[in-house]
């Protein structure tokens, strides 16, 4: 279950687990959010289609109380031996951050499971103005 927002409109600190459907039910309501929800669904389907996706984290304004987030921020953890060069078709665009931003308007960061994800997860829980916020790990 995704907890209630704190007084700043963020999730409480920590990594909260949710299915994609739960995430979209909570954060995909309203015209702008539904648009981002559709994009998130497409992007995750492409990432899963590689057969190499191990974990997905959603952070940033999409998982806040902000009425109209400007984008969706994703952190993908791929299999240990994954390289973006081996991906064909539209999915290949996910592993080029600039292209993913142009095509879908999303910020996609990715690493392989060989890299320790803890530093990345800690960094994305920091608020720009100080303090910590929660992020969501999407159950695959």
Protein backbone atom coordinates (compact mmCIF):
# COMPACT_ATOMS: atom_id res chain seq x y z
CA UNK A 1 0.00 0.00 0.00
CA UNK A 2 1.23 3.46 -0.89
CA UNK A 3 1.08 5.72 2.19
CA UNK A 4 -0.54 9.15 2.43
CA UNK A 5 1.44 12.25 1.52
CA UNK A 6 3.35 14.14 4.18
CA UNK A 7 2.75 17.84 4.83
CA UNK A 8 4.91 18.84 1.84
CA UNK A 9 2.90 16.74 -0.64
CA UNK A 10 5.55 14.04 -0.92
CA UNK A 11 5.45 10.41 0.07
CA UNK A 12 7.05 9.74 3.45
CA UNK A 13 10.74 8.80 3.22
CA UNK A 14 11.52 5.28 2.10
CA UNK A 15 10.87 2.93 -0.77
CA UNK A 16 7.21 2.02 -1.09
CA UNK A 17 6.14 -1.05 -3.07
CA UNK A 18 3.15 -1.12 -5.40
CA UNK A 19 1.87 -2.93 -8.45
CA UNK A 20 1.66 -0.89 -11.63
CA UNK A 21 -2.12 -0.89 -11.31
CA UNK A 22 -1.95 0.41 -7.74
CA UNK A 23 0.54 3.10 -8.79
CA UNK A 24 -1.68 4.24 -11.66
CA UNK A 25 -4.82 4.10 -9.53
CA UNK A 26 -3.17 6.43 -7.03
CA UNK A 27 -1.19 8.74 -9.32
CA UNK A 28 -2.81 8.41 -12.75
CA UNK A 29 -6.03 10.35 -12.14
CA UNK A 30 -6.86 13.54 -14.03
CA UNK A 31 -6.04 14.49 -17.60
CA UNK A 32 -2.32 15.22 -17.22
CA UNK A 33 -1.67 12.34 -14.83
CA UNK A 34 -3.61 9.90 -17.02
CA UNK A 35 -1.40 10.94 -19.95
CA UNK A 36 1.73 10.19 -17.92
CA UNK A 37 0.18 6.94 -16.73
CA UNK A 38 -0.35 5.81 -20.33
CA UNK A 39 3.25 6.66 -21.16
CA UNK A 40 4.50 4.88 -18.06
CA UNK A 41 2.55 1.77 -19.05
CA UNK A 42 4.05 1.85 -22.58
CA UNK A 43 7.61 2.45 -21.37
CA UNK A 44 7.44 -0.33 -18.79
CA UNK A 45 6.02 -2.75 -21.37
CA UNK A 46 8.97 -1.99 -23.66
CA UNK A 47 11.46 -2.40 -20.81
CA UNK A 48 9.87 -5.69 -19.75
CA UNK A 49 9.90 -6.84 -23.36
CA UNK A 50 13.69 -6.94 -23.23
CA UNK A 51 13.46 -9.86 -20.81
CA UNK A 52 16.21 -8.12 -18.82
CA UNK A 53 14.29 -5.83 -16.45
CA UNK A 54 14.88 -6.61 -12.77
CA UNK A 55 13.47 -3.58 -10.94
CA UNK A 56 11.66 -0.29 -11.60
CA UNK A 57 11.54 2.77 -9.35
CA UNK A 58 9.34 5.81 -9.97
CA UNK A 59 10.29 9.09 -8.32
CA UNK A 60 9.93 12.82 -8.78
CA UNK A 61 6.78 14.86 -9.26
CA UNK A 62 4.67 11.99 -10.61
CA UNK A 63 4.59 10.40 -7.14
CA UNK A 64 3.71 13.62 -5.34
CA UNK A 65 0.53 15.59 -4.72
CA UNK A 66 1.44 17.94 -7.57
CA UNK A 67 -1.69 18.34 -9.71
CA UNK A 68 0.05 18.32 -13.09
CA UNK A 69 3.52 16.74 -13.05
CA UNK A 70 5.73 17.75 -15.97
CA UNK A 71 7.11 14.25 -16.54
CA UNK A 72 7.75 10.81 -15.09
CA UNK A 73 11.15 9.92 -13.64
CA UNK A 74 12.15 6.26 -13.85
CA UNK A 75 15.08 4.27 -12.59
CA UNK A 76 15.45 0.87 -14.25
CA UNK A 77 17.66 -1.92 -12.97
CA UNK A 78 18.54 -4.29 -15.77
CA UNK A 79 20.15 -7.75 -15.67
CA UNK A 80 23.85 -7.96 -14.80
CA UNK A 81 25.07 -8.48 -18.38
CA UNK A 82 22.60 -6.16 -20.10
CA UNK A 83 23.78 -3.57 -22.60
CA UNK A 84 21.49 -1.10 -24.31
CA UNK A 85 23.18 -1.90 -27.62
CA UNK A 86 21.55 -5.33 -27.75
CA UNK A 87 18.01 -3.91 -27.69
CA UNK A 88 16.21 -3.54 -31.01
CA UNK A 89 13.29 -1.45 -32.17
CA UNK A 90 11.48 1.21 -30.20
CA UNK A 91 12.66 -0.22 -26.86
CA UNK A 92 16.24 0.77 -27.75
CA UNK A 93 15.24 4.43 -27.32
CA UNK A 94 14.64 3.84 -23.60
CA UNK A 95 18.34 3.31 -23.02
CA UNK A 96 19.35 6.65 -24.53
CA UNK A 97 18.17 9.23 -22.01
CA UNK A 98 18.02 12.10 -24.50
CA UNK A 99 15.93 10.14 -26.97
CA UNK A 100 13.60 8.83 -24.28
CA UNK A 101 13.00 12.42 -23.19
CA UNK A 102 12.20 13.47 -26.77
CA UNK A 103 9.99 10.48 -27.63
CA UNK A 104 8.06 10.05 -24.37
CA UNK A 105 8.93 13.08 -22.26
CA UNK A 106 10.24 10.82 -19.50
CA UNK A 107 13.54 10.83 -17.63
CA UNK A 108 14.93 7.30 -17.74
CA UNK A 109 17.99 6.36 -15.74
CA UNK A 110 19.25 2.80 -15.81
CA UNK A 111 21.98 0.62 -14.41
CA UNK A 112 22.74 -3.07 -14.47
CA UNK A 113 22.37 -5.29 -11.43
CA UNK A 114 26.19 -5.34 -11.19
CA UNK A 115 26.04 -1.78 -9.84
CA UNK A 116 24.95 -1.16 -6.26
CA UNK A 117 21.65 0.70 -6.55
CA UNK A 118 21.62 1.99 -2.96
CA UNK A 119 23.45 5.25 -3.74
CA UNK A 120 21.06 6.01 -6.60
CA UNK A 121 18.00 5.25 -4.48
CA UNK A 122 19.31 7.43 -1.66
CA UNK A 123 19.96 10.34 -4.05
CA UNK A 124 16.46 10.23 -5.55
CA UNK A 125 14.91 10.38 -2.10
CA UNK A 126 16.47 13.81 -1.46
CA UNK A 127 14.28 16.86 -1.86
CA UNK A 128 15.79 19.81 -3.70
CA UNK A 129 14.96 22.06 -0.78
CA UNK A 130 16.35 19.58 1.75
CA UNK A 131 14.95 16.59 3.56
CA UNK A 132 13.82 13.26 2.22
CA UNK A 133 10.85 11.95 0.25
CA UNK A 134 9.58 8.54 -0.70
CA UNK A 135 9.83 6.77 -4.03
CA UNK A 136 7.90 3.79 -5.40
CA UNK A 137 9.27 0.45 -6.50
CA UNK A 138 6.91 -1.07 -9.04
CA UNK A 139 6.37 -4.77 -8.44
CA UNK A 140 7.10 -6.68 -11.63
